[in-house]
Protein backbone atom coordinates (compact mmCIF):
# COMPACT_ATOMS: atom_id res chain seq x y z
CA MET A 1 -4.05 40.46 19.07
CA MET A 2 -2.93 41.00 22.67
CA GLY A 3 -0.01 38.56 22.43
CA LEU A 4 -2.06 35.39 22.22
CA PRO A 5 -2.34 33.21 19.13
CA ALA A 6 -5.39 33.84 16.95
CA GLY A 7 -8.25 31.67 18.14
CA HIS A 8 -6.66 31.02 21.54
CA VAL A 9 -10.12 31.05 23.11
CA THR A 10 -12.45 31.90 20.24
CA ALA A 11 -11.67 28.86 18.07
CA ILE A 12 -13.13 26.36 20.55
CA PRO A 13 -16.24 24.81 18.95
CA GLY A 14 -19.46 25.31 20.92
CA LEU A 15 -18.01 27.83 23.37
CA SER A 16 -20.42 30.74 23.81
CA ARG A 17 -19.28 34.36 23.95
CA SER A 18 -19.95 34.51 27.70
CA ALA A 19 -18.00 31.27 28.23
CA GLN A 20 -15.09 32.72 26.21
CA LEU A 21 -15.02 35.81 28.42
CA LYS A 22 -15.21 33.67 31.55
CA ALA A 23 -12.31 31.52 30.30
CA LEU A 24 -10.20 34.63 29.80
CA GLY A 25 -11.15 35.94 33.24
CA ASN A 26 -8.98 38.71 34.59
CA GLY A 27 -5.91 37.34 32.89
CA VAL A 28 -2.96 39.53 32.06
CA VAL A 29 -1.84 39.56 28.46
CA PRO A 30 1.70 38.23 27.94
CA GLN A 31 3.21 41.63 27.03
CA GLN A 32 1.90 43.19 30.24
CA ALA A 33 3.25 40.31 32.30
CA GLU A 34 6.67 40.58 30.66
CA ALA A 35 6.81 44.34 31.22
CA ALA A 36 5.87 43.91 34.88
CA ILE A 37 8.48 41.21 35.46
CA ARG A 38 11.19 43.28 33.78
CA HIS A 39 10.24 46.35 35.83
CA LEU A 40 10.18 44.46 39.13
CA ALA A 41 13.42 42.62 38.37
CA GLY A 42 15.09 45.93 37.56
CA ARG A 43 13.89 47.42 40.85
CA ALA A 44 15.08 44.36 42.76
CA LEU A 45 18.51 44.74 41.17
CA GLY A 46 18.62 48.49 41.74
CA ARG A 47 18.34 49.42 38.07
CA ARG A 48 16.18 52.06 36.50
CA ALA A 49 13.46 50.69 34.24
CA ALA A 50 13.84 51.31 30.52
CA ALA A 51 11.11 53.47 28.99
């Protein structure tokens, strides 16, 4: 599921598979983005990241 609602890109009528992949691009899934922000915020505040 990768953190996006079902059909986020695939439920668009008439959108080909290649167009779906292009629309997604090199995007980061929400969970990865959240983990990165938490890690960087912890470093900025001098805290150790939680495992």
